[in-house]
Amino acid sequence: MTTPAPAPLEDAHLATRRITRLSVGVAVVLIALKAFALGASGSVSILASLADSALDLAASLTTFFAVRWAAAPPDEDHRYGHGKGEALAALVQAGLVFASAVFIGWEGLQRIFDPRPVTAGAWAVGGMVAAMAITGWLVWMQTQALKKTGSLAVAGDRAHYAADLAANAVVLIGVASGAFLGAPGLDAAAGVVVAVWLFWGATGMLRAAADHLLDRAAPQADRAAVTQAVLADPRVTGVHQLRTRMVGPVMMIQMHVDLDGALTLDAAHAIVVEAERRVLARFPGADILIHADPRGRPQAPVPASPDPTTETPAEAPNAPPAAPVAKGPWS
């Protein structure tokens, strides 16, 4: 799947700050609603949902501060910027969700063997319906923000609240069953289902954050788009040692390109600058570094790739034959 091209960075940061403020506000409202429903009903599934919303607030506050830190410009100690602060926030979110899943699952299992009646079912159901409506609206707003920003922290927050939305539906079924059908065991079972759902969602969040922190390469479609943009100039006859990674919403791109060795330094520089502009048109805000190599001349050796499936360097159509190029272990 191709990563959507982010908006200009300042607009993206502004949208991210707005949606994180909204997320914190919604978390506070949900806690109040669920605390009221819990006090009225004593439902274990609502207790589970309330605990999750409390962790939602902690996660949203983490995201709130992380996106502001991640938007800070590069400084002497962080020359690549602070974008990975978003991935750190996602890791914190994943840890909180794991903790929530363990607590909810333990409480639900206890109540299965020691069921307790659910009271004031109408109030409990009303509170959960209101919570679902508010959560659904927040998820929609976060989806719109993601289309503009591609923020990893907001993506983690949205995944969290989307899981909550489905979990709240399960809670609603459990509360209604316990209150109106006289089956409190179903209420407890609903709490266990919520725990499993949260655990699964946290696993996905953890994987995405780890990929970001470990500098996973951009999707293949994006790398192909970068290569295609560079090779659009027939004077560029090959692209090799292409490396990509994400730092927050910014794609870091490095590569070597093959140019005619007879070109002057000024001419080669102009070609490289034009190539950078074409890439920026496709990936606004990208940080690009292009090294020009004289076509057909031996290069300094680089470590052999441990992956036998590594692609050969991309070459422009009808390019003159070039000497074999050593391949590195990069994307």
Foldseek 3Di string as FASTA:
>chain_A
DAQFFAAALVVLLVLQLVLLVVQLVLLVVLLVLLVVLCVAWVFLLSVLLNLLSVLLNVLSVQSNVLSVQQSDAADPVRNVGQLLSLLVSLLSSLVSLLVSLVVLQVSLVVCLVVPDATGPLVSNLVSLVVSLVSLVVSLVSLVVSCSHHVFLNSVSSSLSSVLSNVLSVLLSVQSCCRYPVVCRSSSSVSSNVSSVSSNVSSVVSNVVSVCQVVFPFHDPVLVVQLQCLLVVDVQFFWKAPWAWGDRGREIEIEIETEGAPVDDPVVVVVSVVSSVVSSCVRHPRYHYYYHYDHFADADDAEDAAPDPPDDAIDGHPPGPDHDGHGHYNHD
